[in-house]
Amino acid sequence: MQAEILNLPSAYRARLIEQLIASLDRDAETEMAWDLLAIERKLQLDSGAGKSAPLADVAKRLEARFPG
């Protein structure tokens, strides 16, 4: 089945991925917490109370913290 799926056109594989992700059991409370955190972070950035970092720097820090 994996070989069949990998031979599908990319648009079909992308749609399949979307459907698989949507089918995962989601924890509504956790989703809400992440949404609120994202909103809070955006407000901090917009007001100047928070600061951003270049993606390359963030990726480097994450790789150092979680090698492999």
PDB file of N, CA and C in Angstrom:
ATOM      1  N   MET A   1       0.831  -1.184   0.000  1.00  0.00           N
ATOM      2  CA  MET A   1       0.000   0.000   0.000  1.00  0.00           C
ATOM      3  C   MET A   1       0.880   1.254   0.000  1.00  0.00           C
ATOM      4  N   GLN A   2       1.996   1.228   0.735  1.00  0.00           N
ATOM      5  CA  GLN A   2       2.866   2.393   0.792  1.00  0.00           C
ATOM      6  C   GLN A   2       3.394   2.742  -0.596  1.00  0.00           C
ATOM      7  N   ALA A   3       3.813   1.730  -1.357  1.00  0.00           N
ATOM      8  CA  ALA A   3       4.325   1.977  -2.705  1.00  0.00           C
ATOM      9  C   ALA A   3       3.248   2.594  -3.590  1.00  0.00           C
ATOM     10  N   GLU A   4       2.016   2.117  -3.462  1.00  0.00           N
ATOM     11  CA  GLU A   4       0.914   2.666  -4.246  1.00  0.00           C
ATOM     12  C   GLU A   4       0.696   4.135  -3.915  1.00  0.00           C
ATOM     13  N   ILE A   5       0.724   4.433  -2.631  1.00  0.00           N
ATOM     14  CA  ILE A   5       0.502   5.815  -2.199  1.00  0.00           C
ATOM     15  C   ILE A   5       1.619   6.718  -2.696  1.00  0.00           C
ATOM     16  N   LEU A   6       2.857   6.242  -2.604  1.00  0.00           N
ATOM     17  CA  LEU A   6       3.996   7.054  -3.038  1.00  0.00           C
ATOM     18  C   LEU A   6       3.992   7.292  -4.545  1.00  0.00           C
ATOM     19  N   ASN A   7       3.304   6.452  -5.294  1.00  0.00           N
ATOM     20  CA  ASN A   7       3.211   6.633  -6.742  1.00  0.00           C
ATOM     21  C   ASN A   7       2.062   7.537  -7.159  1.00  0.00           C
ATOM     22  N   LEU A   8       1.233   7.958  -6.225  1.00  0.00           N
ATOM     23  CA  LEU A   8       0.143   8.881  -6.539  1.00  0.00           C
ATOM     24  C   LEU A   8       0.714  10.248  -6.904  1.00  0.00           C
ATOM     25  N   PRO A   9      -0.001  11.029  -7.701  1.00  0.00           N
ATOM     26  CA  PRO A   9       0.429  12.407  -7.985  1.00  0.00           C
ATOM     27  C   PRO A   9       0.519  13.213  -6.674  1.00  0.00           C
ATOM     28  N   SER A  10       1.396  14.188  -6.659  1.00  0.00           N
ATOM     29  CA  SER A  10       1.641  14.944  -5.429  1.00  0.00           C
ATOM     30  C   SER A  10       0.384  15.608  -4.879  1.00  0.00           C
ATOM     31  N   ALA A  11      -0.506  16.068  -5.743  1.00  0.00           N
ATOM     32  CA  ALA A  11      -1.737  16.711  -5.264  1.00  0.00           C
ATOM     33  C   ALA A  11      -2.599  15.719  -4.484  1.00  0.00           C
ATOM     34  N   TYR A  12      -2.656  14.485  -4.955  1.00  0.00           N
ATOM     35  CA  TYR A  12      -3.423  13.461  -4.248  1.00  0.00           C
ATOM     36  C   TYR A  12      -2.769  13.109  -2.912  1.00  0.00           C
ATOM     37  N   ARG A  13      -1.431  13.016  -2.930  1.00  0.00           N
ATOM     38  CA  ARG A  13      -0.724  12.714  -1.672  1.00  0.00           C
ATOM     39  C   ARG A  13      -0.912  13.836  -0.662  1.00  0.00           C
ATOM     40  N   ALA A  14      -0.893  15.076  -1.128  1.00  0.00           N
ATOM     41  CA  ALA A  14      -1.093  16.213  -0.232  1.00  0.00           C
ATOM     42  C   ALA A  14      -2.483  16.161   0.393  1.00  0.00           C
ATOM     43  N   ARG A  15      -3.483  15.854  -0.412  1.00  0.00           N
ATOM     44  CA  ARG A  15      -4.857  15.758   0.107  1.00  0.00           C
ATOM     45  C   ARG A  15      -4.979  14.624   1.111  1.00  0.00           C
ATOM     46  N   LEU A  16      -4.305  13.501   0.821  1.00  0.00           N
ATOM     47  CA  LEU A  16      -4.317  12.367   1.744  1.00  0.00           C
ATOM     48  C   LEU A  16      -3.682  12.748   3.078  1.00  0.00           C
ATOM     49  N   ILE A  17      -2.591  13.474   3.022  1.00  0.00           N
ATOM     50  CA  ILE A  17      -1.941  13.919   4.255  1.00  0.00           C
ATOM     51  C   ILE A  17      -2.887  14.797   5.063  1.00  0.00           C
ATOM     52  N   GLU A  18      -3.553  15.729   4.389  1.00  0.00           N
ATOM     53  CA  GLU A  18      -4.512  16.599   5.079  1.00  0.00           C
ATOM     54  C   GLU A  18      -5.596  15.782   5.765  1.00  0.00           C
ATOM     55  N   GLN A  19      -6.098  14.777   5.063  1.00  0.00           N
ATOM     56  CA  GLN A  19      -7.159  13.949   5.629  1.00  0.00           C
ATOM     57  C   GLN A  19      -6.652  13.125   6.809  1.00  0.00           C
ATOM     58  N   LEU A  20      -5.440  12.602   6.695  1.00  0.00           N
ATOM     59  CA  LEU A  20      -4.872  11.817   7.802  1.00  0.00           C
ATOM     60  C   LEU A  20      -4.671  12.682   9.039  1.00  0.00           C
ATOM     61  N   ILE A  21      -4.148  13.868   8.839  1.00  0.00           N
ATOM     62  CA  ILE A  21      -3.930  14.774   9.974  1.00  0.00           C
ATOM     63  C   ILE A  21      -5.261  15.150  10.608  1.00  0.00           C
ATOM     64  N   ALA A  22      -6.249  15.440   9.784  1.00  0.00           N
ATOM     65  CA  ALA A  22      -7.571  15.807  10.316  1.00  0.00           C
ATOM     66  C   ALA A  22      -8.208  14.666  11.083  1.00  0.00           C
ATOM     67  N   SER A  23      -7.837  13.438  10.725  1.00  0.00           N
ATOM     68  CA  SER A  23      -8.452  12.290  11.386  1.00  0.00           C
ATOM     69  C   SER A  23      -7.844  11.980  12.757  1.00  0.00           C
ATOM     70  N   LEU A  24      -6.708  12.588  13.047  1.00  0.00           N
ATOM     71  CA  LEU A  24      -6.083  12.328  14.342  1.00  0.00           C
ATOM     72  C   LEU A  24      -6.946  12.872  15.466  1.00  0.00           C
ATOM     73  N   ASP A  25      -6.969  12.174  16.561  1.00  0.00           N
ATOM     74  CA  ASP A  25      -7.741  12.609  17.718  1.00  0.00           C
ATOM     75  C   ASP A  25      -7.066  13.829  18.316  1.00  0.00           C
ATOM     76  N   ARG A  26      -7.766  14.918  18.352  1.00  0.00           N
ATOM     77  CA  ARG A  26      -7.195  16.160  18.869  1.00  0.00           C
ATOM     78  C   ARG A  26      -7.773  16.462  20.238  1.00  0.00           C
ATOM     79  N   ASP A  27      -6.936  17.014  21.046  1.00  0.00           N
ATOM     80  CA  ASP A  27      -7.331  17.434  22.381  1.00  0.00           C
ATOM     81  C   ASP A  27      -7.742  18.903  22.285  1.00  0.00           C
ATOM     82  N   ALA A  28      -9.030  19.177  22.377  1.00  0.00           N
ATOM     83  CA  ALA A  28      -9.552  20.527  22.194  1.00  0.00           C
ATOM     84  C   ALA A  28      -8.963  21.514  23.200  1.00  0.00           C
ATOM     85  N   GLU A  29      -8.768  21.082  24.423  1.00  0.00           N
ATOM     86  CA  GLU A  29      -8.210  21.977  25.448  1.00  0.00           C
ATOM     87  C   GLU A  29      -6.774  22.369  25.095  1.00  0.00           C
ATOM     88  N   THR A  30      -5.993  21.425  24.628  1.00  0.00           N
ATOM     89  CA  THR A  30      -4.611  21.712  24.243  1.00  0.00           C
ATOM     90  C   THR A  30      -4.578  22.617  23.027  1.00  0.00           C
ATOM     91  N   GLU A  31      -5.438  22.350  22.046  1.00  0.00           N
ATOM     92  CA  GLU A  31      -5.515  23.192  20.860  1.00  0.00           C
ATOM     93  C   GLU A  31      -5.853  24.638  21.248  1.00  0.00           C
ATOM     94  N   MET A  32      -6.794  24.805  22.162  1.00  0.00           N
ATOM     95  CA  MET A  32      -7.189  26.134  22.617  1.00  0.00           C
ATOM     96  C   MET A  32      -6.020  26.831  23.312  1.00  0.00           C
ATOM     97  N   ALA A  33      -5.285  26.106  24.129  1.00  0.00           N
ATOM     98  CA  ALA A  33      -4.135  26.679  24.834  1.00  0.00           C
ATOM     99  C   ALA A  33      -3.088  27.173  23.837  1.00  0.00           C
ATOM    100  N   TRP A  34      -2.803  26.381  22.785  1.00  0.00           N
ATOM    101  CA  TRP A  34      -1.833  26.799  21.773  1.00  0.00           C
ATOM    102  C   TRP A  34      -2.336  28.017  21.014  1.00  0.00           C
ATOM    103  N   ASP A  35      -3.620  28.041  20.698  1.00  0.00           N
ATOM    104  CA  ASP A  35      -4.194  29.192  20.005  1.00  0.00           C
ATOM    105  C   ASP A  35      -4.053  30.462  20.839  1.00  0.00           C
ATOM    106  N   LEU A  36      -4.363  30.358  22.120  1.00  0.00           N
ATOM    107  CA  LEU A  36      -4.251  31.520  23.010  1.00  0.00           C
ATOM    108  C   LEU A  36      -2.805  31.979  23.137  1.00  0.00           C
ATOM    109  N   LEU A  37      -1.887  31.039  23.218  1.00  0.00           N
ATOM    110  CA  LEU A  37      -0.467  31.381  23.300  1.00  0.00           C
ATOM    111  C   LEU A  37      -0.012  32.112  22.037  1.00  0.00           C
ATOM    112  N   ALA A  38      -0.459  31.635  20.883  1.00  0.00           N
ATOM    113  CA  ALA A  38      -0.093  32.282  19.623  1.00  0.00           C
ATOM    114  C   ALA A  38      -0.647  33.708  19.563  1.00  0.00           C
ATOM    115  N   ILE A  39      -1.867  33.894  19.996  1.00  0.00           N
ATOM    116  CA  ILE A  39      -2.472  35.234  20.014  1.00  0.00           C
ATOM    117  C   ILE A  39      -1.706  36.147  20.966  1.00  0.00           C
ATOM    118  N   GLU A  40      -1.401  35.638  22.139  1.00  0.00           N
ATOM    119  CA  GLU A  40      -0.657  36.436  23.122  1.00  0.00           C
ATOM    120  C   GLU A  40       0.709  36.838  22.575  1.00  0.00           C
ATOM    121  N   ARG A  41       1.389  35.895  21.923  1.00  0.00           N
ATOM    122  CA  ARG A  41       2.707  36.181  21.360  1.00  0.00           C
ATOM    123  C   ARG A  41       2.609  37.237  20.261  1.00  0.00           C
ATOM    124  N   LYS A  42       1.593  37.150  19.410  1.00  0.00           N
ATOM    125  CA  LYS A  42       1.430  38.143  18.348  1.00  0.00           C
ATOM    126  C   LYS A  42       1.172  39.525  18.933  1.00  0.00           C
ATOM    127  N   LEU A  43       0.352  39.589  19.964  1.00  0.00           N
ATOM    128  CA  LEU A  43       0.094  40.885  20.604  1.00  0.00           C
ATOM    129  C   LEU A  43       1.372  41.467  21.196  1.00  0.00           C
ATOM    130  N   GLN A  44       2.206  40.618  21.805  1.00  0.00           N
ATOM    131  CA  GLN A  44       3.480  41.073  22.353  1.00  0.00           C
ATOM    132  C   GLN A  44       4.377  41.627  21.252  1.00  0.00           C
ATOM    133  N   LEU A  45       4.454  40.915  20.144  1.00  0.00           N
ATOM    134  CA  LEU A  45       5.288  41.371  19.030  1.00  0.00           C
ATOM    135  C   LEU A  45       4.757  42.672  18.448  1.00  0.00           C
ATOM    136  N   ASP A  46       3.434  42.749  18.265  1.00  0.00           N
ATOM    137  CA  ASP A  46       2.832  43.955  17.687  1.00  0.00           C
ATOM    138  C   ASP A  46       3.024  45.179  18.578  1.00  0.00           C
ATOM    139  N   SER A  47       3.010  44.970  19.892  1.00  0.00           N
ATOM    140  CA  SER A  47       3.142  46.098  20.816  1.00  0.00           C
ATOM    141  C   SER A  47       4.588  46.464  21.102  1.00  0.00           C
ATOM    142  N   GLY A  48       5.520  45.618  20.660  1.00  0.00           N
ATOM    143  CA  GLY A  48       6.934  45.876  20.941  1.00  0.00           C
ATOM    144  C   GLY A  48       7.393  45.290  22.259  1.00  0.00           C
ATOM    145  N   ALA A  49       6.502  44.640  22.998  1.00  0.00           N
ATOM    146  CA  ALA A  49       6.855  44.050  24.291  1.00  0.00           C
ATOM    147  C   ALA A  49       7.647  42.753  24.117  1.00  0.00           C
ATOM    148  N   GLY A  50       7.565  42.160  22.946  1.00  0.00           N
ATOM    149  CA  GLY A  50       8.310  40.927  22.680  1.00  0.00           C
ATOM    150  C   GLY A  50       9.225  41.150  21.504  1.00  0.00           C
ATOM    151  N   LYS A  51      10.163  40.241  21.320  1.00  0.00           N
ATOM    152  CA  LYS A  51      11.040  40.386  20.159  1.00  0.00           C
ATOM    153  C   LYS A  51      11.118  39.054  19.425  1.00  0.00           C
ATOM    154  N   SER A  52      11.416  39.144  18.154  1.00  0.00           N
ATOM    155  CA  SER A  52      11.499  37.956  17.323  1.00  0.00           C
ATOM    156  C   SER A  52      12.962  37.620  17.064  1.00  0.00           C
ATOM    157  N   ALA A  53      13.176  36.453  16.488  1.00  0.00           N
ATOM    158  CA  ALA A  53      14.529  36.022  16.135  1.00  0.00           C
ATOM    159  C   ALA A  53      14.469  35.402  14.748  1.00  0.00           C
ATOM    160  N   PRO A  54      15.551  35.526  13.991  1.00  0.00           N
ATOM    161  CA  PRO A  54      15.576  34.901  12.668  1.00  0.00           C
ATOM    162  C   PRO A  54      15.403  33.386  12.774  1.00  0.00           C
ATOM    163  N   LEU A  55      14.699  32.817  11.809  1.00  0.00           N
ATOM    164  CA  LEU A  55      14.428  31.388  11.815  1.00  0.00           C
ATOM    165  C   LEU A  55      15.714  30.570  11.890  1.00  0.00           C
ATOM    166  N   ALA A  56      16.744  30.985  11.182  1.00  0.00           N
ATOM    167  CA  ALA A  56      18.009  30.234  11.193  1.00  0.00           C
ATOM    168  C   ALA A  56      18.588  30.158  12.603  1.00  0.00           C
ATOM    169  N   ASP A  57      18.498  31.254  13.356  1.00  0.00           N
ATOM    170  CA  ASP A  57      19.001  31.264  14.736  1.00  0.00           C
ATOM    171  C   ASP A  57      18.182  30.341  15.630  1.00  0.00           C
ATOM    172  N   VAL A  58      16.880  30.388  15.471  1.00  0.00           N
ATOM    173  CA  VAL A  58      15.997  29.539  16.267  1.00  0.00           C
ATOM    174  C   VAL A  58      16.259  28.065  15.955  1.00  0.00           C
ATOM    175  N   ALA A  59      16.387  27.746  14.672  1.00  0.00           N
ATOM    176  CA  ALA A  59      16.658  26.360  14.265  1.00  0.00           C
ATOM    177  C   ALA A  59      17.971  25.878  14.851  1.00  0.00           C
ATOM    178  N   LYS A  60      18.980  26.731  14.858  1.00  0.00           N
ATOM    179  CA  LYS A  60      20.281  26.368  15.408  1.00  0.00           C
ATOM    180  C   LYS A  60      20.181  26.069  16.904  1.00  0.00           C
ATOM    181  N   ARG A  61      19.439  26.910  17.614  1.00  0.00           N
ATOM    182  CA  ARG A  61      19.258  26.677  19.065  1.00  0.00           C
ATOM    183  C   ARG A  61      18.500  25.385  19.325  1.00  0.00           C
ATOM    184  N   LEU A  62      17.473  25.118  18.533  1.00  0.00           N
ATOM    185  CA  LEU A  62      16.704  23.879  18.705  1.00  0.00           C
ATOM    186  C   LEU A  62      17.548  22.649  18.406  1.00  0.00           C
ATOM    187  N   GLU A  63      18.345  22.725  17.347  1.00  0.00           N
ATOM    188  CA  GLU A  63      19.228  21.588  17.006  1.00  0.00           C
ATOM    189  C   GLU A  63      20.242  21.328  18.100  1.00  0.00           C
ATOM    190  N   ALA A  64      20.738  22.398  18.719  1.00  0.00           N
ATOM    191  CA  ALA A  64      21.703  22.225  19.812  1.00  0.00           C
ATOM    192  C   ALA A  64      21.014  21.620  21.038  1.00  0.00           C
ATOM    193  N   ARG A  65      19.781  22.016  21.263  1.00  0.00           N
ATOM    194  CA  ARG A  65      19.057  21.521  22.439  1.00  0.00           C
ATOM    195  C   ARG A  65      18.529  20.096  22.250  1.00  0.00           C
ATOM    196  N   PHE A  66      18.133  19.796  21.015  1.00  0.00           N
ATOM    197  CA  PHE A  66      17.563  18.473  20.707  1.00  0.00           C
ATOM    198  C   PHE A  66      18.332  17.858  19.537  1.00  0.00           C
ATOM    199  N   PRO A  67      19.553  17.399  19.762  1.00  0.00           N
ATOM    200  CA  PRO A  67      20.352  16.845  18.669  1.00  0.00           C
ATOM    201  C   PRO A  67      19.715  15.599  18.058  1.00  0.00           C
ATOM    202  N   GLY A  68      19.978  15.434  16.763  1.00  0.00           N
ATOM    203  CA  GLY A  68      19.515  14.219  16.080  1.00  0.00           C
ATOM    204  C   GLY A  68      18.259  14.459  15.418  1.00  0.00           C
TER     205      GLY A  68
END
